[in-house]
Amino acid sequence: MKSKIQISENDKIFSTGVHLKPVECVINKKKQWRWVAVGFEDDTFFDGEIIDVCDYAENFNELMKDVFI
């Protein structure tokens, strides 16, 4: 029998290559909880190419380092 795990709002979990944090947000005027990536461990890909991404940024374009699409 599996034991239940308790995760609080301030905890993070790890999925293959990414750290996730629960965040309450509003989507289409409805409150929801979503997992949001807060850190990366391994390579990140776009269209089969390795890209270097930032964990956070002041604007959308700064989320990707040296990526020219």
PDB file of N, CA and C in Angstrom:
ATOM      1  N   MET A   1       0.835  -1.178   0.000  1.00  0.00           N
ATOM      2  CA  MET A   1       0.000   0.000   0.000  1.00  0.00           C
ATOM      3  C   MET A   1       0.884   1.247   0.000  1.00  0.00           C
ATOM      4  N   LYS A   2       0.619   2.153  -0.924  1.00  0.00           N
ATOM      5  CA  LYS A   2       1.388   3.394  -0.984  1.00  0.00           C
ATOM      6  C   LYS A   2       0.918   4.347   0.093  1.00  0.00           C
ATOM      7  N   SER A   3       1.887   5.067   0.676  1.00  0.00           N
ATOM      8  CA  SER A   3       1.514   6.093   1.649  1.00  0.00           C
ATOM      9  C   SER A   3       1.275   7.403   0.915  1.00  0.00           C
ATOM     10  N   LYS A   4       0.410   8.229   1.480  1.00  0.00           N
ATOM     11  CA  LYS A   4       0.096   9.516   0.864  1.00  0.00           C
ATOM     12  C   LYS A   4       1.235  10.487   1.116  1.00  0.00           C
ATOM     13  N   ILE A   5       1.490  11.323   0.127  1.00  0.00           N
ATOM     14  CA  ILE A   5       2.525  12.345   0.220  1.00  0.00           C
ATOM     15  C   ILE A   5       1.819  13.678   0.395  1.00  0.00           C
ATOM     16  N   GLN A   6       2.343  14.515   1.264  1.00  0.00           N
ATOM     17  CA  GLN A   6       1.788  15.850   1.435  1.00  0.00           C
ATOM     18  C   GLN A   6       2.736  16.845   0.799  1.00  0.00           C
ATOM     19  N   ILE A   7       2.213  17.663  -0.102  1.00  0.00           N
ATOM     20  CA  ILE A   7       2.987  18.703  -0.759  1.00  0.00           C
ATOM     21  C   ILE A   7       2.349  20.034  -0.411  1.00  0.00           C
ATOM     22  N   SER A   8       3.160  20.976   0.056  1.00  0.00           N
ATOM     23  CA  SER A   8       2.624  22.302   0.380  1.00  0.00           C
ATOM     24  C   SER A   8       2.844  23.252  -0.796  1.00  0.00           C
ATOM     25  N   GLU A   9       2.239  24.410  -0.727  1.00  0.00           N
ATOM     26  CA  GLU A   9       2.340  25.401  -1.799  1.00  0.00           C
ATOM     27  C   GLU A   9       3.775  25.860  -2.028  1.00  0.00           C
ATOM     28  N   ASN A  10       4.631  25.772  -1.039  1.00  0.00           N
ATOM     29  CA  ASN A  10       6.013  26.243  -1.167  1.00  0.00           C
ATOM     30  C   ASN A  10       6.981  25.154  -1.610  1.00  0.00           C
ATOM     31  N   ASP A  11       6.521  23.929  -1.730  1.00  0.00           N
ATOM     32  CA  ASP A  11       7.378  22.824  -2.143  1.00  0.00           C
ATOM     33  C   ASP A  11       7.583  22.805  -3.648  1.00  0.00           C
ATOM     34  N   LYS A  12       8.630  22.131  -4.074  1.00  0.00           N
ATOM     35  CA  LYS A  12       8.872  21.890  -5.489  1.00  0.00           C
ATOM     36  C   LYS A  12       8.977  20.388  -5.677  1.00  0.00           C
ATOM     37  N   ILE A  13       8.630  19.894  -6.868  1.00  0.00           N
ATOM     38  CA  ILE A  13       8.825  18.491  -7.193  1.00  0.00           C
ATOM     39  C   ILE A  13       9.755  18.421  -8.395  1.00  0.00           C
ATOM     40  N   PHE A  14      10.280  17.238  -8.673  1.00  0.00           N
ATOM     41  CA  PHE A  14      11.181  17.067  -9.810  1.00  0.00           C
ATOM     42  C   PHE A  14      10.596  16.040 -10.758  1.00  0.00           C
ATOM     43  N   SER A  15      10.508  16.403 -12.032  1.00  0.00           N
ATOM     44  CA  SER A  15      10.130  15.494 -13.100  1.00  0.00           C
ATOM     45  C   SER A  15      11.357  15.392 -13.994  1.00  0.00           C
ATOM     46  N   THR A  16      11.435  14.442 -14.847  1.00  0.00           N
ATOM     47  CA  THR A  16      12.635  14.242 -15.646  1.00  0.00           C
ATOM     48  C   THR A  16      13.096  15.548 -16.278  1.00  0.00           C
ATOM     49  N   GLY A  17      14.185  16.086 -15.768  1.00  0.00           N
ATOM     50  CA  GLY A  17      14.810  17.273 -16.330  1.00  0.00           C
ATOM     51  C   GLY A  17      14.264  18.612 -15.889  1.00  0.00           C
ATOM     52  N   VAL A  18      13.232  18.639 -15.047  1.00  0.00           N
ATOM     53  CA  VAL A  18      12.627  19.922 -14.684  1.00  0.00           C
ATOM     54  C   VAL A  18      12.131  19.915 -13.235  1.00  0.00           C
ATOM     55  N   HIS A  19      12.314  21.056 -12.573  1.00  0.00           N
ATOM     56  CA  HIS A  19      11.760  21.264 -11.237  1.00  0.00           C
ATOM     57  C   HIS A  19      10.436  21.992 -11.411  1.00  0.00           C
ATOM     58  N   LEU A  20       9.397  21.539 -10.716  1.00  0.00           N
ATOM     59  CA  LEU A  20       8.059  22.113 -10.849  1.00  0.00           C
ATOM     60  C   LEU A  20       7.569  22.633  -9.503  1.00  0.00           C
ATOM     61  N   LYS A  21       6.773  23.686  -9.546  1.00  0.00           N
ATOM     62  CA  LYS A  21       6.200  24.271  -8.328  1.00  0.00           C
ATOM     63  C   LYS A  21       4.707  24.481  -8.558  1.00  0.00           C
ATOM     64  N   PRO A  22       3.867  24.182  -7.570  1.00  0.00           N
ATOM     65  CA  PRO A  22       2.437  24.440  -7.728  1.00  0.00           C
ATOM     66  C   PRO A  22       2.159  25.946  -7.617  1.00  0.00           C
ATOM     67  N   VAL A  23       1.378  26.463  -8.546  1.00  0.00           N
ATOM     68  CA  VAL A  23       1.061  27.895  -8.573  1.00  0.00           C
ATOM     69  C   VAL A  23      -0.431  28.061  -8.834  1.00  0.00           C
ATOM     70  N   GLU A  24      -1.093  28.888  -8.006  1.00  0.00           N
ATOM     71  CA  GLU A  24      -2.494  29.197  -8.251  1.00  0.00           C
ATOM     72  C   GLU A  24      -2.553  30.337  -9.260  1.00  0.00           C
ATOM     73  N   CYS A  25      -3.350  30.172 -10.293  1.00  0.00           N
ATOM     74  CA  CYS A  25      -3.445  31.192 -11.334  1.00  0.00           C
ATOM     75  C   CYS A  25      -4.893  31.289 -11.807  1.00  0.00           C
ATOM     76  N   VAL A  26      -5.162  32.285 -12.631  1.00  0.00           N
ATOM     77  CA  VAL A  26      -6.487  32.461 -13.198  1.00  0.00           C
ATOM     78  C   VAL A  26      -6.393  32.229 -14.700  1.00  0.00           C
ATOM     79  N   ILE A  27      -7.124  31.242 -15.188  1.00  0.00           N
ATOM     80  CA  ILE A  27      -7.170  30.907 -16.609  1.00  0.00           C
ATOM     81  C   ILE A  27      -8.624  31.043 -17.054  1.00  0.00           C
ATOM     82  N   ASN A  28      -8.870  31.874 -18.042  1.00  0.00           N
ATOM     83  CA  ASN A  28     -10.243  32.112 -18.517  1.00  0.00           C
ATOM     84  C   ASN A  28     -11.188  32.463 -17.366  1.00  0.00           C
ATOM     85  N   LYS A  29     -10.722  33.357 -16.492  1.00  0.00           N
ATOM     86  CA  LYS A  29     -11.498  33.857 -15.350  1.00  0.00           C
ATOM     87  C   LYS A  29     -11.837  32.777 -14.321  1.00  0.00           C
ATOM     88  N   LYS A  30     -11.109  31.663 -14.343  1.00  0.00           N
ATOM     89  CA  LYS A  30     -11.347  30.576 -13.401  1.00  0.00           C
ATOM     90  C   LYS A  30     -10.053  30.275 -12.644  1.00  0.00           C
ATOM     91  N   LYS A  31     -10.127  30.251 -11.298  1.00  0.00           N
ATOM     92  CA  LYS A  31      -8.948  29.917 -10.499  1.00  0.00           C
ATOM     93  C   LYS A  31      -8.615  28.443 -10.674  1.00  0.00           C
ATOM     94  N   GLN A  32      -7.340  28.180 -10.900  1.00  0.00           N
ATOM     95  CA  GLN A  32      -6.851  26.807 -11.059  1.00  0.00           C
ATOM     96  C   GLN A  32      -5.469  26.701 -10.432  1.00  0.00           C
ATOM     97  N   TRP A  33      -5.067  25.477 -10.136  1.00  0.00           N
ATOM     98  CA  TRP A  33      -3.692  25.199  -9.730  1.00  0.00           C
ATOM     99  C   TRP A  33      -2.992  24.544 -10.907  1.00  0.00           C
ATOM    100  N   ARG A  34      -1.775  25.003 -11.200  1.00  0.00           N
ATOM    101  CA  ARG A  34      -0.975  24.465 -12.296  1.00  0.00           C
ATOM    102  C   ARG A  34       0.434  24.188 -11.803  1.00  0.00           C
ATOM    103  N   TRP A  35       1.104  23.223 -12.430  1.00  0.00           N
ATOM    104  CA  TRP A  35       2.526  23.002 -12.193  1.00  0.00           C
ATOM    105  C   TRP A  35       3.288  23.930 -13.129  1.00  0.00           C
ATOM    106  N   VAL A  36       4.213  24.698 -12.586  1.00  0.00           N
ATOM    107  CA  VAL A  36       4.993  25.651 -13.366  1.00  0.00           C
ATOM    108  C   VAL A  36       6.472  25.280 -13.241  1.00  0.00           C
ATOM    109  N   ALA A  37       7.180  25.240 -14.377  1.00  0.00           N
ATOM    110  CA  ALA A  37       8.611  24.931 -14.366  1.00  0.00           C
ATOM    111  C   ALA A  37       9.366  26.068 -13.691  1.00  0.00           C
ATOM    112  N   VAL A  38      10.217  25.720 -12.719  1.00  0.00           N
ATOM    113  CA  VAL A  38      11.010  26.728 -12.017  1.00  0.00           C
ATOM    114  C   VAL A  38      12.506  26.451 -12.119  1.00  0.00           C
ATOM    115  N   GLY A  39      12.900  25.438 -12.865  1.00  0.00           N
ATOM    116  CA  GLY A  39      14.317  25.126 -13.046  1.00  0.00           C
ATOM    117  C   GLY A  39      14.477  23.921 -13.952  1.00  0.00           C
ATOM    118  N   PHE A  40      15.588  23.878 -14.660  1.00  0.00           N
ATOM    119  CA  PHE A  40      15.849  22.789 -15.601  1.00  0.00           C
ATOM    120  C   PHE A  40      17.159  22.101 -15.251  1.00  0.00           C
ATOM    121  N   GLU A  41      17.231  20.776 -15.443  1.00  0.00           N
ATOM    122  CA  GLU A  41      18.417  19.997 -15.135  1.00  0.00           C
ATOM    123  C   GLU A  41      19.196  19.593 -16.377  1.00  0.00           C
ATOM    124  N   ASP A  42      18.514  19.217 -17.430  1.00  0.00           N
ATOM    125  CA  ASP A  42      19.156  18.677 -18.617  1.00  0.00           C
ATOM    126  C   ASP A  42      18.910  19.577 -19.821  1.00  0.00           C
ATOM    127  N   ASP A  43      19.326  19.102 -20.984  1.00  0.00           N
ATOM    128  CA  ASP A  43      19.144  19.851 -22.219  1.00  0.00           C
ATOM    129  C   ASP A  43      17.668  20.125 -22.499  1.00  0.00           C
ATOM    130  N   THR A  44      17.408  21.246 -23.153  1.00  0.00           N
ATOM    131  CA  THR A  44      16.070  21.634 -23.590  1.00  0.00           C
ATOM    132  C   THR A  44      16.096  21.683 -25.111  1.00  0.00           C
ATOM    133  N   PHE A  45      15.023  21.203 -25.738  1.00  0.00           N
ATOM    134  CA  PHE A  45      14.996  21.086 -27.191  1.00  0.00           C
ATOM    135  C   PHE A  45      13.826  21.854 -27.789  1.00  0.00           C
ATOM    136  N   PHE A  46      14.029  22.343 -29.013  1.00  0.00           N
ATOM    137  CA  PHE A  46      12.974  22.923 -29.830  1.00  0.00           C
ATOM    138  C   PHE A  46      13.206  22.446 -31.251  1.00  0.00           C
ATOM    139  N   ASP A  47      12.234  21.775 -31.832  1.00  0.00           N
ATOM    140  CA  ASP A  47      12.366  21.209 -33.184  1.00  0.00           C
ATOM    141  C   ASP A  47      13.623  20.355 -33.338  1.00  0.00           C
ATOM    142  N   GLY A  48      13.953  19.596 -32.301  1.00  0.00           N
ATOM    143  CA  GLY A  48      15.088  18.690 -32.359  1.00  0.00           C
ATOM    144  C   GLY A  48      16.442  19.326 -32.094  1.00  0.00           C
ATOM    145  N   GLU A  49      16.489  20.639 -31.925  1.00  0.00           N
ATOM    146  CA  GLU A  49      17.741  21.347 -31.668  1.00  0.00           C
ATOM    147  C   GLU A  49      17.844  21.677 -30.179  1.00  0.00           C
ATOM    148  N   ILE A  50      19.043  21.543 -29.612  1.00  0.00           N
ATOM    149  CA  ILE A  50      19.264  21.931 -28.220  1.00  0.00           C
ATOM    150  C   ILE A  50      19.244  23.446 -28.132  1.00  0.00           C
ATOM    151  N   ILE A  51      18.473  23.973 -27.171  1.00  0.00           N
ATOM    152  CA  ILE A  51      18.436  25.412 -26.932  1.00  0.00           C
ATOM    153  C   ILE A  51      18.760  25.675 -25.472  1.00  0.00           C
ATOM    154  N   ASP A  52      19.235  26.861 -25.177  1.00  0.00           N
ATOM    155  CA  ASP A  52      19.576  27.265 -23.822  1.00  0.00           C
ATOM    156  C   ASP A  52      18.503  28.236 -23.346  1.00  0.00           C
ATOM    157  N   VAL A  53      17.782  27.870 -22.304  1.00  0.00           N
ATOM    158  CA  VAL A  53      16.690  28.701 -21.809  1.00  0.00           C
ATOM    159  C   VAL A  53      16.987  29.215 -20.407  1.00  0.00           C
ATOM    160  N   CYS A  54      16.360  30.325 -20.059  1.00  0.00           N
ATOM    161  CA  CYS A  54      16.465  30.893 -18.714  1.00  0.00           C
ATOM    162  C   CYS A  54      15.301  30.371 -17.873  1.00  0.00           C
ATOM    163  N   ASP A  55      15.512  30.249 -16.589  1.00  0.00           N
ATOM    164  CA  ASP A  55      14.441  29.820 -15.689  1.00  0.00           C
ATOM    165  C   ASP A  55      13.358  30.886 -15.561  1.00  0.00           C
ATOM    166  N   TYR A  56      13.744  32.154 -15.635  1.00  0.00           N
ATOM    167  CA  TYR A  56      12.793  33.265 -15.529  1.00  0.00           C
ATOM    168  C   TYR A  56      13.365  34.459 -16.291  1.00  0.00           C
ATOM    169  N   ALA A  57      12.511  35.409 -16.622  1.00  0.00           N
ATOM    170  CA  ALA A  57      12.940  36.598 -17.353  1.00  0.00           C
ATOM    171  C   ALA A  57      11.945  37.726 -17.135  1.00  0.00           C
ATOM    172  N   GLU A  58      12.372  38.930 -17.426  1.00  0.00           N
ATOM    173  CA  GLU A  58      11.513  40.107 -17.321  1.00  0.00           C
ATOM    174  C   GLU A  58      10.518  40.181 -18.484  1.00  0.00           C
ATOM    175  N   ASN A  59      10.856  39.554 -19.629  1.00  0.00           N
ATOM    176  CA  ASN A  59       9.938  39.543 -20.761  1.00  0.00           C
ATOM    177  C   ASN A  59      10.104  38.238 -21.543  1.00  0.00           C
ATOM    178  N   PHE A  60       9.188  37.973 -22.447  1.00  0.00           N
ATOM    179  CA  PHE A  60       9.152  36.714 -23.192  1.00  0.00           C
ATOM    180  C   PHE A  60      10.454  36.433 -23.940  1.00  0.00           C
ATOM    181  N   ASN A  61      10.983  37.418 -24.638  1.00  0.00           N
ATOM    182  CA  ASN A  61      12.176  37.216 -25.456  1.00  0.00           C
ATOM    183  C   ASN A  61      13.416  36.853 -24.649  1.00  0.00           C
ATOM    184  N   GLU A  62      13.475  37.266 -23.394  1.00  0.00           N
ATOM    185  CA  GLU A  62      14.631  36.964 -22.556  1.00  0.00           C
ATOM    186  C   GLU A  62      14.583  35.551 -21.966  1.00  0.00           C
ATOM    187  N   LEU A  63      13.485  34.823 -22.174  1.00  0.00           N
ATOM    188  CA  LEU A  63      13.400  33.443 -21.675  1.00  0.00           C
ATOM    189  C   LEU A  63      14.368  32.505 -22.401  1.00  0.00           C
ATOM    190  N   MET A  64      14.765  32.878 -23.610  1.00  0.00           N
ATOM    191  CA  MET A  64      15.667  32.044 -24.390  1.00  0.00           C
ATOM    192  C   MET A  64      16.986  32.767 -24.604  1.00  0.00           C
ATOM    193  N   LYS A  65      18.087  32.109 -24.258  1.00  0.00           N
ATOM    194  CA  LYS A  65      19.420  32.689 -24.450  1.00  0.00           C
ATOM    195  C   LYS A  65      19.907  32.334 -25.845  1.00  0.00           C
ATOM    196  N   ASP A  66      20.304  33.309 -26.603  1.00  0.00           N
ATOM    197  CA  ASP A  66      20.935  33.085 -27.909  1.00  0.00           C
ATOM    198  C   ASP A  66      20.158  32.149 -28.816  1.00  0.00           C
ATOM    199  N   VAL A  67      18.824  32.233 -28.802  1.00  0.00           N
ATOM    200  CA  VAL A  67      18.001  31.408 -29.690  1.00  0.00           C
ATOM    201  C   VAL A  67      17.437  32.317 -30.773  1.00  0.00           C
ATOM    202  N   PHE A  68      17.704  31.977 -31.995  1.00  0.00           N
ATOM    203  CA  PHE A  68      17.206  32.768 -33.120  1.00  0.00           C
ATOM    204  C   PHE A  68      16.246  31.910 -33.915  1.00  0.00           C
ATOM    205  N   ILE A  69      14.959  32.217 -33.800  1.00  0.00           N
ATOM    206  CA  ILE A  69      13.930  31.423 -34.481  1.00  0.00           C
ATOM    207  C   ILE A  69      13.335  32.246 -35.604  1.00  0.00           C
TER     208      ILE A  69
END
